[in-house]
Amino acid sequence: MKLMIIFFIGLISIAFSMSILAVEPCFNEKKIKPIVGDLKKAIQKDFCKQGIKPAHLQWISQKGLPQIMNRSFLGVEPPPNWQILTDEIVQDCFKEGDLCQKATQEQFVECLRVKTPTILLQLGPWMAENCKKINAEVVEKWPDKKRQVLELINQFEIESKTE
């Protein structure tokens, strides 16, 4: 789930970075900051109760992310390669440890930094094309979307207890 949150924050960050370069920014930084804050709080308060091990990633990748990486949540079709990109990040950047532990997070973030140029090349055109629609559907409707994300975190907690 933390991977899902990191991926979601990453998408917003990429979109925000790209909108800075545009003549008319797509995302409002004042509206993005509370969303990132909500996500961080949810991760620390709810998501990391049991920790996140590599074994949890199958649920995150196969069940969790598809619930937010879709037209219903985003307002647009997700990029066609998002699942492959996610699997590659997971495979390369999170092989062991607990993603709720600082050392593992630092390793994961460093690996993600190395991959950022490739991620930007792959997702950049999609984000630039869909930025305004995503802004309207996710950022402007964050209270509803937040409920969906929190429900997803609850699903993860329940399912990870049975593993």
Protein backbone atom coordinates (compact mmCIF):
# COMPACT_ATOMS: atom_id res chain seq x y z
CA MET A 1 0.00 0.00 0.00
CA LYS A 2 2.85 2.35 0.75
CA LEU A 3 4.11 1.61 -2.73
CA MET A 4 0.68 2.54 -4.02
CA ILE A 5 0.76 5.79 -2.05
CA ILE A 6 4.32 6.51 -3.21
CA PHE A 7 3.31 5.78 -6.79
CA PHE A 8 0.26 8.05 -6.47
CA ILE A 9 2.32 10.83 -4.88
CA GLY A 10 4.87 10.32 -7.63
CA LEU A 11 2.22 10.78 -10.30
CA ILE A 12 1.03 13.97 -8.65
CA SER A 13 4.62 15.19 -8.28
CA ILE A 14 5.41 14.48 -11.92
CA ALA A 15 2.25 16.25 -13.00
CA PHE A 16 3.01 19.19 -10.75
CA SER A 17 6.59 19.39 -12.03
CA MET A 18 5.39 19.33 -15.60
CA SER A 19 2.72 21.91 -14.92
CA ILE A 20 5.36 24.30 -13.57
CA LEU A 21 6.94 24.27 -17.02
CA ALA A 22 3.63 25.04 -18.70
CA VAL A 23 2.44 28.58 -19.36
CA GLU A 24 -0.61 27.94 -17.21
CA PRO A 25 0.07 25.59 -14.28
CA CYS A 26 -2.24 22.61 -14.10
CA PHE A 27 -2.04 21.86 -10.38
CA ASN A 28 -2.39 24.29 -7.53
CA GLU A 29 0.43 23.70 -5.06
CA LYS A 30 -1.79 24.85 -2.18
CA LYS A 31 -4.24 22.07 -3.02
CA ILE A 32 -1.56 19.41 -3.53
CA LYS A 33 0.19 19.91 -0.18
CA PRO A 34 -2.82 18.86 1.95
CA ILE A 35 -3.27 15.76 -0.22
CA VAL A 36 0.34 14.74 0.31
CA GLY A 37 -0.11 15.44 4.03
CA ASP A 38 -3.23 13.26 4.16
CA LEU A 39 -1.40 10.43 2.41
CA LYS A 40 1.63 10.65 4.71
CA LYS A 41 -0.62 10.64 7.77
CA ALA A 42 -2.54 7.62 6.49
CA ILE A 43 0.71 5.76 5.85
CA GLN A 44 2.10 6.46 9.30
CA LYS A 45 -1.13 6.03 11.26
CA ASP A 46 -2.83 3.14 9.53
CA PHE A 47 -0.72 1.58 6.86
CA CYS A 48 2.44 0.82 8.78
CA LYS A 49 0.75 -0.91 11.72
CA GLN A 50 1.93 -4.30 10.46
CA GLY A 51 4.77 -3.18 8.27
CA ILE A 52 5.14 -3.70 4.55
CA LYS A 53 7.20 -6.65 3.42
CA PRO A 54 8.01 -7.70 -0.14
CA ALA A 55 5.36 -10.45 0.20
CA HIS A 56 2.66 -7.76 0.48
CA LEU A 57 3.54 -6.32 -2.89
CA GLN A 58 1.51 -8.80 -4.89
CA TRP A 59 -1.67 -7.54 -3.22
CA ILE A 60 -0.61 -3.94 -3.72
CA SER A 61 0.31 -4.44 -7.36
CA GLN A 62 -2.50 -6.78 -8.38
CA LYS A 63 -5.42 -5.60 -6.21
CA GLY A 64 -4.61 -2.22 -4.66
CA LEU A 65 -3.17 -0.11 -7.46
CA PRO A 66 -5.78 -1.17 -10.04
CA GLN A 67 -8.42 0.37 -7.76
CA ILE A 68 -6.89 3.82 -8.20
CA MET A 69 -5.15 3.45 -11.54
CA ASN A 70 -8.35 3.46 -13.56
CA ARG A 71 -10.67 5.86 -15.36
CA SER A 72 -13.13 5.93 -12.47
CA PHE A 73 -10.54 7.21 -9.97
CA LEU A 74 -8.30 9.28 -12.25
CA GLY A 75 -10.91 10.65 -14.63
CA VAL A 76 -8.84 9.38 -17.58
CA GLU A 77 -7.50 6.05 -18.75
CA PRO A 78 -4.24 5.31 -16.91
CA PRO A 79 -1.02 5.16 -18.90
CA PRO A 80 -0.89 1.85 -20.74
CA ASN A 81 2.44 0.87 -19.19
CA TRP A 82 1.71 1.70 -15.55
CA GLN A 83 1.51 -1.95 -14.41
CA ILE A 84 4.80 -2.87 -16.10
CA LEU A 85 6.46 0.24 -14.69
CA THR A 86 5.17 -0.53 -11.19
CA ASP A 87 6.32 -4.14 -11.36
CA GLU A 88 9.76 -3.01 -12.53
CA ILE A 89 10.07 -0.51 -9.67
CA VAL A 90 9.01 -3.14 -7.14
CA GLN A 91 11.35 -5.78 -8.56
CA ASP A 92 14.34 -3.42 -8.70
CA CYS A 93 13.78 -1.24 -5.64
CA PHE A 94 12.17 -3.38 -2.92
CA LYS A 95 13.65 -6.82 -2.49
CA GLU A 96 13.82 -7.07 1.29
CA GLY A 97 13.07 -5.24 4.50
CA ASP A 98 10.05 -3.35 5.74
CA LEU A 99 8.97 -0.34 3.71
CA CYS A 100 7.81 1.30 6.93
CA GLN A 101 11.38 1.33 8.28
CA LYS A 102 13.54 4.36 7.58
CA ALA A 103 16.53 2.44 6.16
CA THR A 104 14.35 0.54 3.68
CA GLN A 105 12.54 3.74 2.71
CA GLU A 106 15.86 5.47 2.05
CA GLN A 107 17.02 2.59 -0.18
CA PHE A 108 13.70 2.59 -2.01
CA VAL A 109 13.73 6.36 -2.55
CA GLU A 110 17.33 6.29 -3.79
CA CYS A 111 16.47 3.56 -6.29
CA LEU A 112 13.43 5.56 -7.37
CA ARG A 113 15.59 8.65 -7.88
CA VAL A 114 17.79 6.70 -10.27
CA LYS A 115 14.69 5.63 -12.19
CA THR A 116 13.07 9.08 -12.23
CA PRO A 117 14.37 10.15 -15.67
CA THR A 118 12.97 6.98 -17.23
CA ILE A 119 9.69 7.37 -15.36
CA LEU A 120 9.41 10.98 -16.54
CA LEU A 121 10.05 9.92 -20.13
CA GLN A 122 7.42 7.21 -19.92
CA LEU A 123 4.72 9.05 -17.97
CA GLY A 124 5.47 12.65 -18.93
CA PRO A 125 3.52 12.80 -22.20
CA TRP A 126 0.53 11.03 -20.63
CA MET A 127 0.59 13.37 -17.63
CA ALA A 128 0.90 16.48 -19.79
CA GLU A 129 -2.04 15.35 -21.91
CA ASN A 130 -4.25 14.43 -18.95
CA CYS A 131 -3.15 16.86 -16.25
CA LYS A 132 -6.26 19.04 -16.27
CA LYS A 133 -8.63 16.07 -16.22
CA ILE A 134 -6.72 14.43 -13.36
CA ASN A 135 -6.71 17.73 -11.50
CA ALA A 136 -10.47 18.05 -11.92
CA GLU A 137 -11.17 14.45 -10.92
CA VAL A 138 -8.62 13.77 -8.18
CA VAL A 139 -7.35 17.04 -6.72
CA GLU A 140 -10.63 18.96 -6.85
CA LYS A 141 -12.57 15.93 -5.57
CA TRP A 142 -10.00 14.90 -2.98
CA PRO A 143 -12.45 14.43 -0.06
CA ASP A 144 -14.21 11.67 -2.04
CA LYS A 145 -10.97 10.23 -3.40
CA LYS A 146 -9.43 10.30 0.08
CA ARG A 147 -12.25 8.08 1.35
CA GLN A 148 -11.52 5.62 -1.44
CA VAL A 149 -7.80 5.58 -0.61
CA LEU A 150 -8.51 5.08 3.11
CA GLU A 151 -10.89 2.20 2.29
CA LEU A 152 -8.11 0.66 0.23
CA ILE A 153 -5.71 0.97 3.17
CA ASN A 154 -8.30 -0.79 5.36
CA GLN A 155 -8.59 -3.59 2.80
CA PHE A 156 -4.82 -3.98 2.84
CA GLU A 157 -4.75 -4.13 6.64
CA ILE A 158 -7.40 -6.86 6.69
CA GLU A 159 -5.82 -8.93 3.94
CA SER A 160 -2.27 -8.57 5.21
CA LYS A 161 -3.32 -9.90 8.64
CA THR A 162 -4.37 -13.17 7.01
CA GLU A 163 -1.03 -13.64 5.23
